[in-house]
Amino acid sequence: MGVPDGLLERYVTVWNEPDASARRDAVARLWTPDGLHSPGPGDFRDSMPWTPG
């Protein structure tokens, strides 16, 4: 699965934003209501509500 256009650039830009309020708003725009965060490769499969086919 590839990275959607602009996602990586927006992600990096968010964490380089010095203003906390602007950063919080930008983080909220990056996520979807059902989004998952994976802190590491092994942790992702354990936290998934379904098993990939």
N, C-alpha and C. Protein backbone atom coordinates (compact mmCIF):
# COMPACT_ATOMS: atom_id res chain seq x y z
N MET A 1 0.85 -1.17 0.00
CA MET A 1 0.00 0.00 0.00
C MET A 1 0.90 1.24 0.00
N GLY A 2 0.61 2.17 -0.88
CA GLY A 2 1.41 3.38 -0.97
C GLY A 2 0.88 4.48 -0.05
N VAL A 3 1.66 5.53 0.04
CA VAL A 3 1.28 6.69 0.84
C VAL A 3 0.49 7.64 -0.05
N PRO A 4 -0.72 8.06 0.38
CA PRO A 4 -1.50 9.00 -0.43
C PRO A 4 -0.71 10.29 -0.68
N ASP A 5 -0.96 10.89 -1.83
CA ASP A 5 -0.26 12.12 -2.21
C ASP A 5 -0.31 13.17 -1.10
N GLY A 6 0.84 13.67 -0.75
CA GLY A 6 0.94 14.77 0.20
C GLY A 6 0.91 14.37 1.67
N LEU A 7 0.57 13.12 1.98
CA LEU A 7 0.45 12.72 3.38
C LEU A 7 1.77 12.83 4.13
N LEU A 8 2.83 12.32 3.56
CA LEU A 8 4.13 12.36 4.23
C LEU A 8 4.57 13.81 4.46
N GLU A 9 4.41 14.64 3.46
CA GLU A 9 4.79 16.05 3.60
C GLU A 9 3.97 16.73 4.69
N ARG A 10 2.65 16.47 4.72
CA ARG A 10 1.80 17.07 5.75
C ARG A 10 2.18 16.57 7.14
N TYR A 11 2.51 15.28 7.24
CA TYR A 11 2.89 14.70 8.53
C TYR A 11 4.15 15.37 9.08
N VAL A 12 5.16 15.49 8.23
CA VAL A 12 6.42 16.11 8.67
C VAL A 12 6.20 17.58 9.01
N THR A 13 5.41 18.27 8.22
CA THR A 13 5.12 19.68 8.45
C THR A 13 4.45 19.88 9.81
N VAL A 14 3.52 18.99 10.15
CA VAL A 14 2.81 19.09 11.43
C VAL A 14 3.80 19.09 12.59
N TRP A 15 4.74 18.17 12.60
CA TRP A 15 5.64 18.04 13.74
C TRP A 15 6.71 19.12 13.77
N ASN A 16 6.83 19.89 12.70
CA ASN A 16 7.76 21.02 12.69
C ASN A 16 7.03 22.34 12.95
N GLU A 17 5.73 22.30 13.19
CA GLU A 17 4.94 23.50 13.47
C GLU A 17 5.23 23.97 14.89
N PRO A 18 5.76 25.19 15.06
CA PRO A 18 6.11 25.67 16.41
C PRO A 18 4.91 26.09 17.26
N ASP A 19 3.81 26.50 16.64
CA ASP A 19 2.63 26.95 17.37
C ASP A 19 1.78 25.74 17.79
N ALA A 20 1.61 25.57 19.11
CA ALA A 20 0.90 24.39 19.63
C ALA A 20 -0.54 24.30 19.14
N SER A 21 -1.24 25.40 19.07
CA SER A 21 -2.63 25.39 18.63
C SER A 21 -2.74 25.01 17.15
N ALA A 22 -1.87 25.58 16.33
CA ALA A 22 -1.86 25.26 14.90
C ALA A 22 -1.46 23.79 14.70
N ARG A 23 -0.50 23.31 15.50
CA ARG A 23 -0.06 21.92 15.41
C ARG A 23 -1.20 20.97 15.78
N ARG A 24 -1.94 21.28 16.85
CA ARG A 24 -3.06 20.45 17.29
C ARG A 24 -4.13 20.37 16.19
N ASP A 25 -4.44 21.51 15.58
CA ASP A 25 -5.43 21.53 14.49
C ASP A 25 -4.95 20.71 13.29
N ALA A 26 -3.67 20.82 12.96
CA ALA A 26 -3.12 20.09 11.82
C ALA A 26 -3.11 18.58 12.09
N VAL A 27 -2.81 18.18 13.31
CA VAL A 27 -2.84 16.76 13.66
C VAL A 27 -4.27 16.23 13.51
N ALA A 28 -5.24 16.99 13.96
CA ALA A 28 -6.64 16.57 13.85
C ALA A 28 -7.05 16.38 12.39
N ARG A 29 -6.53 17.21 11.49
CA ARG A 29 -6.86 17.09 10.07
C ARG A 29 -6.18 15.88 9.42
N LEU A 30 -5.09 15.40 10.00
CA LEU A 30 -4.38 14.24 9.44
C LEU A 30 -5.08 12.92 9.75
N TRP A 31 -5.84 12.87 10.83
CA TRP A 31 -6.43 11.62 11.29
C TRP A 31 -7.86 11.45 10.82
N THR A 32 -8.28 10.19 10.71
CA THR A 32 -9.67 9.86 10.44
C THR A 32 -10.24 9.28 11.74
N PRO A 33 -11.56 9.28 11.91
CA PRO A 33 -12.14 8.77 13.15
C PRO A 33 -11.73 7.33 13.48
N ASP A 34 -11.48 6.51 12.47
CA ASP A 34 -11.12 5.12 12.73
C ASP A 34 -9.63 4.86 12.52
N GLY A 35 -8.82 5.91 12.55
CA GLY A 35 -7.38 5.77 12.33
C GLY A 35 -6.69 5.02 13.45
N LEU A 36 -5.61 4.31 13.11
CA LEU A 36 -4.80 3.58 14.09
C LEU A 36 -3.38 4.12 14.06
N HIS A 37 -2.75 4.16 15.21
CA HIS A 37 -1.34 4.54 15.30
C HIS A 37 -0.56 3.29 15.66
N SER A 38 0.50 3.04 14.92
CA SER A 38 1.33 1.87 15.19
C SER A 38 2.71 2.32 15.64
N PRO A 39 3.05 2.11 16.91
CA PRO A 39 4.37 2.51 17.39
C PRO A 39 5.51 1.64 16.87
N GLY A 40 5.20 0.47 16.35
CA GLY A 40 6.24 -0.41 15.83
C GLY A 40 5.64 -1.50 14.97
N PRO A 41 6.44 -2.15 14.14
CA PRO A 41 5.91 -3.15 13.21
C PRO A 41 5.19 -4.31 13.89
N GLY A 42 5.67 -4.79 14.99
CA GLY A 42 5.04 -5.93 15.66
C GLY A 42 3.75 -5.54 16.37
N ASP A 43 3.67 -4.31 16.82
CA ASP A 43 2.51 -3.86 17.58
C ASP A 43 1.28 -3.66 16.70
N PHE A 44 1.47 -3.36 15.43
CA PHE A 44 0.35 -3.02 14.55
C PHE A 44 -0.62 -4.18 14.40
N ARG A 45 -0.13 -5.34 14.07
CA ARG A 45 -1.02 -6.49 13.87
C ARG A 45 -1.77 -6.86 15.15
N ASP A 46 -1.13 -6.67 16.30
CA ASP A 46 -1.78 -6.99 17.57
C ASP A 46 -2.94 -6.03 17.87
N SER A 47 -2.89 -4.80 17.35
CA SER A 47 -3.92 -3.82 17.68
C SER A 47 -5.01 -3.73 16.62
N MET A 48 -4.88 -4.49 15.51
CA MET A 48 -5.87 -4.41 14.44
C MET A 48 -7.14 -5.16 14.84
N PRO A 49 -8.31 -4.55 14.54
CA PRO A 49 -9.56 -5.22 14.86
C PRO A 49 -9.92 -6.32 13.86
N TRP A 50 -9.14 -6.48 12.80
CA TRP A 50 -9.38 -7.49 11.78
C TRP A 50 -8.05 -8.04 11.29
N THR A 51 -8.08 -9.13 10.63
CA THR A 51 -6.86 -9.74 10.10
C THR A 51 -6.81 -9.52 8.59
N PRO A 52 -5.70 -8.95 8.08
CA PRO A 52 -5.60 -8.75 6.64
C PRO A 52 -5.61 -10.07 5.89
N GLY A 53 -6.21 -10.07 4.70
CA GLY A 53 -6.32 -11.27 3.91
C GLY A 53 -5.14 -11.46 3.09
